[in-house]
Amino acid sequence: MAEVTVRPADAGDFDAVAALLAELGRPTLTAESAADAREVYLRHIARPDTASLVAEAGGGVVGFMSLEFRERLNQVRLQAWVPDLIVTASRRGLGAGRALVTRGIELARGRGCWSLTLESGHQRQVAHALYRASGLRDEGLYFRIHL
C-alpha cells in the first residue's frame, strides 16, 4: 500500500481535481467549459476562507476535499464546510479518505471552528461509514432545487 500524503490543493492539481469531481457526479468538463472551470478553481484555492486539500499516493492525486470556512448567523465562530470529498474508486479503502477527513478536522480546529459539516449523497454508504468512524454524526438532510 502506497503512503498517503495530504497537502493543500494547488493550481497544478486542476485536471486531477476536475476528474475526481466528475467521478463524484459533478459535470464532466468539455472544451467549452474547462477554461471557465479552471478560473473558478483558481479563485477558490486562492480565497482566504478555503483550505481545500488533495491526497496523493503512488505518485498521483487520488483524493480531493473542498474545505471552506463560513460564517453562520447563530454562531460567533466559523463553521468548516466540506461540500465535496472524493477518493478515486481504485484507491478507496486505503486511507486517503480518512487522511483527508483527519486533516480537514485539524484545520477546522486550528481556525477555531465550532463544527465541521460535510455533505454527502444518500448512495455513498461506504463513505458514510468512514465519516462516522472519523467522529462525524448524521444530523440531518439537505434539500436542493436545480435552477
N, C-alpha and C. Protein backbone atom coordinates (compact mmCIF):
# COMPACT_ATOMS: atom_id res chain seq x y z
N MET A 1 0.85 -1.18 0.00
CA MET A 1 0.00 0.00 0.00
C MET A 1 0.90 1.24 0.00
N ALA A 2 0.64 2.17 -0.92
CA ALA A 2 1.41 3.41 -1.01
C ALA A 2 1.04 4.34 0.12
N GLU A 3 2.05 5.08 0.61
CA GLU A 3 1.80 6.06 1.65
C GLU A 3 0.93 7.18 1.10
N VAL A 4 0.01 7.67 1.94
CA VAL A 4 -0.87 8.77 1.55
C VAL A 4 -0.33 10.05 2.16
N THR A 5 -0.22 11.08 1.32
CA THR A 5 0.19 12.41 1.74
C THR A 5 -0.95 13.36 1.45
N VAL A 6 -1.28 14.22 2.42
CA VAL A 6 -2.31 15.23 2.22
C VAL A 6 -1.62 16.59 2.21
N ARG A 7 -1.98 17.41 1.23
CA ARG A 7 -1.41 18.75 1.11
C ARG A 7 -2.45 19.69 0.56
N PRO A 8 -2.19 21.01 0.67
CA PRO A 8 -3.12 21.97 0.06
C PRO A 8 -3.22 21.76 -1.45
N ALA A 9 -4.42 21.88 -1.97
CA ALA A 9 -4.62 21.83 -3.43
C ALA A 9 -3.95 23.05 -4.05
N ASP A 10 -3.34 22.87 -5.22
CA ASP A 10 -2.72 24.00 -5.90
C ASP A 10 -3.13 24.03 -7.37
N ALA A 11 -2.66 25.03 -8.08
CA ALA A 11 -3.07 25.24 -9.47
C ALA A 11 -2.76 24.03 -10.35
N GLY A 12 -1.67 23.36 -10.09
CA GLY A 12 -1.28 22.20 -10.89
C GLY A 12 -2.18 20.99 -10.72
N ASP A 13 -3.05 21.02 -9.73
CA ASP A 13 -3.95 19.89 -9.46
C ASP A 13 -5.26 19.98 -10.21
N PHE A 14 -5.47 21.04 -10.99
CA PHE A 14 -6.79 21.26 -11.58
C PHE A 14 -7.30 20.05 -12.36
N ASP A 15 -6.52 19.50 -13.27
CA ASP A 15 -7.02 18.39 -14.09
C ASP A 15 -7.40 17.18 -13.24
N ALA A 16 -6.56 16.86 -12.26
CA ALA A 16 -6.86 15.72 -11.39
C ALA A 16 -8.11 15.98 -10.56
N VAL A 17 -8.25 17.20 -10.03
CA VAL A 17 -9.42 17.53 -9.23
C VAL A 17 -10.68 17.51 -10.09
N ALA A 18 -10.60 18.04 -11.30
CA ALA A 18 -11.77 18.02 -12.19
C ALA A 18 -12.20 16.58 -12.49
N ALA A 19 -11.23 15.69 -12.70
CA ALA A 19 -11.57 14.29 -12.96
C ALA A 19 -12.20 13.65 -11.72
N LEU A 20 -11.68 13.96 -10.54
CA LEU A 20 -12.26 13.42 -9.31
C LEU A 20 -13.68 13.93 -9.11
N LEU A 21 -13.90 15.22 -9.36
CA LEU A 21 -15.25 15.77 -9.20
C LEU A 21 -16.23 15.13 -10.20
N ALA A 22 -15.76 14.84 -11.40
CA ALA A 22 -16.62 14.15 -12.37
C ALA A 22 -16.96 12.75 -11.85
N GLU A 23 -15.99 12.10 -11.22
CA GLU A 23 -16.23 10.77 -10.65
C GLU A 23 -17.26 10.84 -9.52
N LEU A 24 -17.27 11.98 -8.83
CA LEU A 24 -18.24 12.20 -7.75
C LEU A 24 -19.64 12.47 -8.29
N GLY A 25 -19.74 12.78 -9.58
CA GLY A 25 -21.04 13.05 -10.18
C GLY A 25 -21.23 14.48 -10.64
N ARG A 26 -20.19 15.30 -10.48
CA ARG A 26 -20.27 16.67 -10.98
C ARG A 26 -20.12 16.63 -12.49
N PRO A 27 -20.51 17.70 -13.18
CA PRO A 27 -20.42 17.69 -14.64
C PRO A 27 -18.99 17.46 -15.15
N THR A 28 -18.88 16.63 -16.16
CA THR A 28 -17.60 16.42 -16.82
C THR A 28 -17.29 17.65 -17.66
N LEU A 29 -16.06 18.12 -17.56
CA LEU A 29 -15.69 19.33 -18.29
C LEU A 29 -15.59 19.04 -19.78
N THR A 30 -15.92 20.04 -20.56
CA THR A 30 -15.81 19.97 -22.01
C THR A 30 -14.79 21.01 -22.45
N ALA A 31 -14.47 21.00 -23.74
CA ALA A 31 -13.55 22.01 -24.27
C ALA A 31 -14.12 23.41 -24.03
N GLU A 32 -15.44 23.53 -24.05
CA GLU A 32 -16.07 24.84 -23.85
C GLU A 32 -16.09 25.26 -22.39
N SER A 33 -16.17 24.32 -21.46
CA SER A 33 -16.31 24.67 -20.05
C SER A 33 -15.01 24.64 -19.25
N ALA A 34 -13.97 24.02 -19.78
CA ALA A 34 -12.74 23.80 -19.00
C ALA A 34 -12.06 25.10 -18.57
N ALA A 35 -11.95 26.07 -19.45
CA ALA A 35 -11.26 27.31 -19.10
C ALA A 35 -12.00 28.05 -17.99
N ASP A 36 -13.33 28.14 -18.11
CA ASP A 36 -14.11 28.81 -17.06
C ASP A 36 -14.02 28.05 -15.74
N ALA A 37 -14.07 26.73 -15.80
CA ALA A 37 -13.97 25.92 -14.57
C ALA A 37 -12.60 26.08 -13.93
N ARG A 38 -11.56 26.18 -14.74
CA ARG A 38 -10.20 26.40 -14.21
C ARG A 38 -10.15 27.73 -13.45
N GLU A 39 -10.77 28.76 -14.00
CA GLU A 39 -10.79 30.07 -13.33
C GLU A 39 -11.52 30.00 -11.99
N VAL A 40 -12.64 29.30 -11.96
CA VAL A 40 -13.38 29.12 -10.70
C VAL A 40 -12.49 28.39 -9.69
N TYR A 41 -11.83 27.33 -10.13
CA TYR A 41 -10.95 26.56 -9.26
C TYR A 41 -9.81 27.43 -8.72
N LEU A 42 -9.17 28.19 -9.59
CA LEU A 42 -8.05 29.04 -9.17
C LEU A 42 -8.51 30.11 -8.17
N ARG A 43 -9.68 30.68 -8.41
CA ARG A 43 -10.22 31.65 -7.43
C ARG A 43 -10.50 30.96 -6.10
N HIS A 44 -11.06 29.75 -6.18
CA HIS A 44 -11.39 29.01 -4.96
C HIS A 44 -10.15 28.76 -4.11
N ILE A 45 -9.10 28.20 -4.69
CA ILE A 45 -7.92 27.85 -3.89
C ILE A 45 -7.16 29.08 -3.41
N ALA A 46 -7.40 30.23 -4.03
CA ALA A 46 -6.73 31.47 -3.61
C ALA A 46 -7.47 32.20 -2.50
N ARG A 47 -8.72 31.85 -2.27
CA ARG A 47 -9.52 32.56 -1.26
C ARG A 47 -8.99 32.28 0.15
N PRO A 48 -8.99 33.30 1.01
CA PRO A 48 -8.52 33.09 2.39
C PRO A 48 -9.49 32.27 3.24
N ASP A 49 -10.72 32.08 2.78
CA ASP A 49 -11.70 31.31 3.55
C ASP A 49 -11.83 29.87 3.05
N THR A 50 -10.81 29.40 2.32
CA THR A 50 -10.78 28.00 1.90
C THR A 50 -9.44 27.37 2.27
N ALA A 51 -9.44 26.07 2.38
CA ALA A 51 -8.22 25.31 2.63
C ALA A 51 -8.39 23.94 1.98
N SER A 52 -8.75 23.92 0.72
CA SER A 52 -9.02 22.65 0.04
C SER A 52 -7.75 21.82 -0.07
N LEU A 53 -7.94 20.51 -0.05
CA LEU A 53 -6.84 19.56 0.09
C LEU A 53 -6.87 18.50 -1.00
N VAL A 54 -5.69 17.97 -1.31
CA VAL A 54 -5.60 16.77 -2.15
C VAL A 54 -4.85 15.70 -1.38
N ALA A 55 -5.17 14.46 -1.68
CA ALA A 55 -4.44 13.30 -1.16
C ALA A 55 -3.65 12.71 -2.31
N GLU A 56 -2.38 12.45 -2.06
CA GLU A 56 -1.52 11.83 -3.06
C GLU A 56 -1.08 10.46 -2.58
N ALA A 57 -0.99 9.53 -3.52
CA ALA A 57 -0.46 8.19 -3.25
C ALA A 57 0.04 7.63 -4.57
N GLY A 58 1.12 6.92 -4.50
CA GLY A 58 1.65 6.29 -5.71
C GLY A 58 2.04 7.29 -6.78
N GLY A 59 2.39 8.49 -6.38
CA GLY A 59 2.86 9.49 -7.34
C GLY A 59 1.79 10.33 -7.99
N GLY A 60 0.55 10.21 -7.55
CA GLY A 60 -0.52 11.00 -8.17
C GLY A 60 -1.59 11.40 -7.18
N VAL A 61 -2.44 12.32 -7.60
CA VAL A 61 -3.56 12.78 -6.78
C VAL A 61 -4.66 11.72 -6.85
N VAL A 62 -5.08 11.24 -5.68
CA VAL A 62 -6.10 10.19 -5.60
C VAL A 62 -7.35 10.64 -4.86
N GLY A 63 -7.29 11.83 -4.23
CA GLY A 63 -8.43 12.31 -3.49
C GLY A 63 -8.44 13.82 -3.40
N PHE A 64 -9.64 14.37 -3.12
CA PHE A 64 -9.82 15.81 -3.02
C PHE A 64 -10.87 16.12 -1.97
N MET A 65 -10.62 17.16 -1.18
CA MET A 65 -11.60 17.69 -0.23
C MET A 65 -11.70 19.18 -0.44
N SER A 66 -12.88 19.64 -0.78
CA SER A 66 -13.17 21.07 -0.83
C SER A 66 -13.53 21.48 0.58
N LEU A 67 -12.76 22.41 1.15
CA LEU A 67 -12.94 22.83 2.53
C LEU A 67 -13.08 24.34 2.58
N GLU A 68 -14.20 24.81 3.12
CA GLU A 68 -14.46 26.25 3.24
C GLU A 68 -14.79 26.58 4.68
N PHE A 69 -14.53 27.82 5.04
CA PHE A 69 -14.83 28.31 6.39
C PHE A 69 -15.84 29.43 6.23
N ARG A 70 -17.02 29.25 6.84
CA ARG A 70 -18.11 30.20 6.61
C ARG A 70 -18.70 30.69 7.92
N GLU A 71 -19.26 31.87 7.83
CA GLU A 71 -19.96 32.44 8.97
C GLU A 71 -21.38 31.90 8.99
N ARG A 72 -21.91 31.75 10.20
CA ARG A 72 -23.31 31.39 10.39
C ARG A 72 -23.91 32.43 11.32
N LEU A 73 -25.12 32.80 11.06
CA LEU A 73 -25.74 33.89 11.81
C LEU A 73 -25.93 33.58 13.29
N ASN A 74 -26.00 32.32 13.63
CA ASN A 74 -26.24 31.95 15.03
C ASN A 74 -24.97 31.61 15.79
N GLN A 75 -23.81 31.85 15.20
CA GLN A 75 -22.54 31.50 15.84
C GLN A 75 -21.53 32.65 15.68
N VAL A 76 -20.68 32.82 16.67
CA VAL A 76 -19.65 33.85 16.55
C VAL A 76 -18.36 33.26 15.99
N ARG A 77 -18.25 31.93 15.98
CA ARG A 77 -17.08 31.26 15.40
C ARG A 77 -17.45 30.71 14.03
N LEU A 78 -16.45 30.51 13.20
CA LEU A 78 -16.67 29.97 11.85
C LEU A 78 -17.12 28.51 11.91
N GLN A 79 -17.74 28.08 10.83
CA GLN A 79 -18.08 26.67 10.62
C GLN A 79 -17.28 26.18 9.42
N ALA A 80 -16.64 25.04 9.56
CA ALA A 80 -15.96 24.40 8.43
C ALA A 80 -17.02 23.64 7.63
N TRP A 81 -16.93 23.73 6.31
CA TRP A 81 -17.92 23.11 5.43
C TRP A 81 -17.20 22.35 4.33
N VAL A 82 -17.57 21.10 4.14
CA VAL A 82 -16.99 20.24 3.11
C VAL A 82 -18.08 19.90 2.10
N PRO A 83 -18.17 20.68 1.00
CA PRO A 83 -19.19 20.37 0.01
C PRO A 83 -18.80 19.21 -0.92
N ASP A 84 -17.49 18.93 -1.02
CA ASP A 84 -17.02 17.87 -1.93
C ASP A 84 -15.89 17.10 -1.28
N LEU A 85 -16.01 15.78 -1.27
CA LEU A 85 -14.95 14.90 -0.79
C LEU A 85 -15.01 13.63 -1.62
N ILE A 86 -13.91 13.33 -2.30
CA ILE A 86 -13.90 12.17 -3.19
C ILE A 86 -12.51 11.53 -3.20
N VAL A 87 -12.49 10.22 -3.19
CA VAL A 87 -11.29 9.44 -3.45
C VAL A 87 -11.61 8.58 -4.66
N THR A 88 -10.67 8.53 -5.60
CA THR A 88 -10.92 7.75 -6.81
C THR A 88 -11.24 6.29 -6.45
N ALA A 89 -12.14 5.70 -7.20
CA ALA A 89 -12.68 4.37 -6.87
C ALA A 89 -11.58 3.33 -6.66
N SER A 90 -10.53 3.36 -7.46
CA SER A 90 -9.49 2.34 -7.35
C SER A 90 -8.63 2.48 -6.11
N ARG A 91 -8.74 3.60 -5.39
CA ARG A 91 -7.91 3.82 -4.20
C ARG A 91 -8.73 3.90 -2.91
N ARG A 92 -10.01 3.62 -2.98
CA ARG A 92 -10.85 3.67 -1.79
C ARG A 92 -10.50 2.53 -0.84
N GLY A 93 -10.62 2.80 0.45
CA GLY A 93 -10.33 1.80 1.46
C GLY A 93 -8.86 1.69 1.82
N LEU A 94 -8.03 2.57 1.28
CA LEU A 94 -6.59 2.50 1.53
C LEU A 94 -6.07 3.65 2.39
N GLY A 95 -6.98 4.47 2.94
CA GLY A 95 -6.57 5.50 3.88
C GLY A 95 -6.59 6.93 3.39
N ALA A 96 -6.81 7.14 2.10
CA ALA A 96 -6.80 8.51 1.58
C ALA A 96 -7.98 9.33 2.11
N GLY A 97 -9.16 8.74 2.14
CA GLY A 97 -10.33 9.45 2.64
C GLY A 97 -10.18 9.79 4.12
N ARG A 98 -9.72 8.83 4.90
CA ARG A 98 -9.51 9.08 6.33
C ARG A 98 -8.46 10.17 6.52
N ALA A 99 -7.41 10.16 5.74
CA ALA A 99 -6.36 11.18 5.86
C ALA A 99 -6.90 12.57 5.52
N LEU A 100 -7.75 12.67 4.50
CA LEU A 100 -8.36 13.95 4.15
C LEU A 100 -9.28 14.45 5.27
N VAL A 101 -10.13 13.56 5.78
CA VAL A 101 -11.05 13.95 6.85
C VAL A 101 -10.27 14.38 8.08
N THR A 102 -9.27 13.62 8.44
CA THR A 102 -8.46 13.95 9.63
C THR A 102 -7.80 15.31 9.48
N ARG A 103 -7.21 15.56 8.32
CA ARG A 103 -6.54 16.86 8.11
C ARG A 103 -7.56 17.99 8.07
N GLY A 104 -8.72 17.77 7.48
CA GLY A 104 -9.76 18.79 7.46
C GLY A 104 -10.21 19.16 8.87
N ILE A 105 -10.37 18.16 9.73
CA ILE A 105 -10.76 18.41 11.11
C ILE A 105 -9.66 19.19 11.83
N GLU A 106 -8.41 18.82 11.59
CA GLU A 106 -7.29 19.55 12.20
C GLU A 106 -7.30 21.02 11.79
N LEU A 107 -7.51 21.28 10.51
CA LEU A 107 -7.54 22.66 10.02
C LEU A 107 -8.71 23.44 10.62
N ALA A 108 -9.86 22.78 10.72
CA ALA A 108 -11.03 23.43 11.31
C ALA A 108 -10.77 23.78 12.78
N ARG A 109 -10.20 22.85 13.50
CA ARG A 109 -9.87 23.14 14.90
C ARG A 109 -8.85 24.29 14.98
N GLY A 110 -7.88 24.28 14.09
CA GLY A 110 -6.86 25.32 14.07
C GLY A 110 -7.42 26.70 13.80
N ARG A 111 -8.52 26.77 13.09
CA ARG A 111 -9.18 28.05 12.82
C ARG A 111 -10.23 28.39 13.87
N GLY A 112 -10.37 27.54 14.87
CA GLY A 112 -11.32 27.82 15.93
C GLY A 112 -12.76 27.59 15.55
N CYS A 113 -13.01 26.74 14.57
CA CYS A 113 -14.39 26.48 14.13
C CYS A 113 -15.18 25.78 15.22
N TRP A 114 -16.48 26.04 15.23
CA TRP A 114 -17.37 25.38 16.19
C TRP A 114 -17.83 24.02 15.70
N SER A 115 -17.77 23.78 14.36
CA SER A 115 -18.14 22.47 13.83
C SER A 115 -17.58 22.32 12.42
N LEU A 116 -17.61 21.09 11.96
CA LEU A 116 -17.32 20.78 10.56
C LEU A 116 -18.53 20.04 10.03
N THR A 117 -19.08 20.55 8.93
CA THR A 117 -20.24 19.95 8.29
C THR A 117 -19.82 19.41 6.93
N LEU A 118 -20.28 18.22 6.61
CA LEU A 118 -19.92 17.56 5.36
C LEU A 118 -21.19 17.14 4.64
N GLU A 119 -21.28 17.42 3.36
CA GLU A 119 -22.43 16.99 2.56
C GLU A 119 -22.08 15.70 1.83
N SER A 120 -23.03 14.79 1.76
CA SER A 120 -22.79 13.51 1.09
C SER A 120 -24.11 12.95 0.58
N GLY A 121 -24.07 12.39 -0.61
CA GLY A 121 -25.27 11.80 -1.20
C GLY A 121 -25.70 10.53 -0.48
N HIS A 122 -26.99 10.26 -0.49
CA HIS A 122 -27.55 9.09 0.18
C HIS A 122 -26.89 7.79 -0.27
N GLN A 123 -26.51 7.71 -1.54
CA GLN A 123 -25.99 6.47 -2.11
C GLN A 123 -24.57 6.14 -1.66
N ARG A 124 -23.89 7.05 -1.01
CA ARG A 124 -22.47 6.87 -0.66
C ARG A 124 -22.32 6.21 0.71
N GLN A 125 -22.90 5.03 0.87
CA GLN A 125 -22.94 4.36 2.16
C GLN A 125 -21.56 4.01 2.72
N VAL A 126 -20.64 3.59 1.87
CA VAL A 126 -19.29 3.26 2.34
C VAL A 126 -18.60 4.51 2.88
N ALA A 127 -18.77 5.63 2.17
CA ALA A 127 -18.19 6.89 2.65
C ALA A 127 -18.82 7.29 3.98
N HIS A 128 -20.12 7.06 4.14
CA HIS A 128 -20.78 7.41 5.39
C HIS A 128 -20.18 6.65 6.56
N ALA A 129 -19.81 5.40 6.34
CA ALA A 129 -19.17 4.62 7.41
C ALA A 129 -17.83 5.25 7.79
N LEU A 130 -17.08 5.72 6.81
CA LEU A 130 -15.82 6.41 7.09
C LEU A 130 -16.07 7.67 7.91
N TYR A 131 -17.06 8.45 7.53
CA TYR A 131 -17.35 9.69 8.25
C TYR A 131 -17.72 9.39 9.71
N ARG A 132 -18.56 8.39 9.91
CA ARG A 132 -18.94 8.03 11.28
C ARG A 132 -17.71 7.56 12.07
N ALA A 133 -16.86 6.76 11.45
CA ALA A 133 -15.65 6.27 12.12
C ALA A 133 -14.69 7.42 12.44
N SER A 134 -14.82 8.53 11.73
CA SER A 134 -13.98 9.71 11.96
C SER A 134 -14.59 10.66 12.98
N GLY A 135 -15.75 10.31 13.53
CA GLY A 135 -16.37 11.12 14.57
C GLY A 135 -17.50 12.01 14.10
N LEU A 136 -17.83 12.01 12.82
CA LEU A 136 -18.95 12.80 12.33
C LEU A 136 -20.25 12.06 12.59
N ARG A 137 -21.32 12.82 12.78
CA ARG A 137 -22.65 12.24 13.01
C ARG A 137 -23.60 12.69 11.92
N ASP A 138 -24.51 11.81 11.57
CA ASP A 138 -25.58 12.15 10.63
C ASP A 138 -26.62 12.95 11.41
N GLU A 139 -26.72 14.24 11.10
CA GLU A 139 -27.61 15.12 11.87
C GLU A 139 -28.70 15.78 11.02
N GLY A 140 -28.91 15.31 9.79
CA GLY A 140 -29.99 15.92 9.03
C GLY A 140 -29.91 15.66 7.55
N LEU A 141 -30.74 16.37 6.84
CA LEU A 141 -30.82 16.28 5.39
C LEU A 141 -30.56 17.65 4.80
N TYR A 142 -30.24 17.67 3.51
CA TYR A 142 -30.24 18.95 2.82
C TYR A 142 -31.13 18.79 1.59
N PHE A 143 -31.70 19.90 1.18
CA PHE A 143 -32.64 19.91 0.06
C PHE A 143 -32.14 20.90 -0.97
N ARG A 144 -32.48 20.64 -2.24
CA ARG A 144 -31.98 21.49 -3.31
C ARG A 144 -33.00 21.50 -4.44
N ILE A 145 -33.01 22.59 -5.17
CA ILE A 145 -33.72 22.68 -6.43
C ILE A 145 -32.73 23.19 -7.47
N HIS A 146 -32.63 22.50 -8.57
CA HIS A 146 -31.74 22.93 -9.64
C HIS A 146 -32.40 24.06 -10.39
N LEU A 147 -31.68 25.14 -10.54
CA LEU A 147 -32.23 26.34 -11.20
C LEU A 147 -31.56 26.55 -12.55
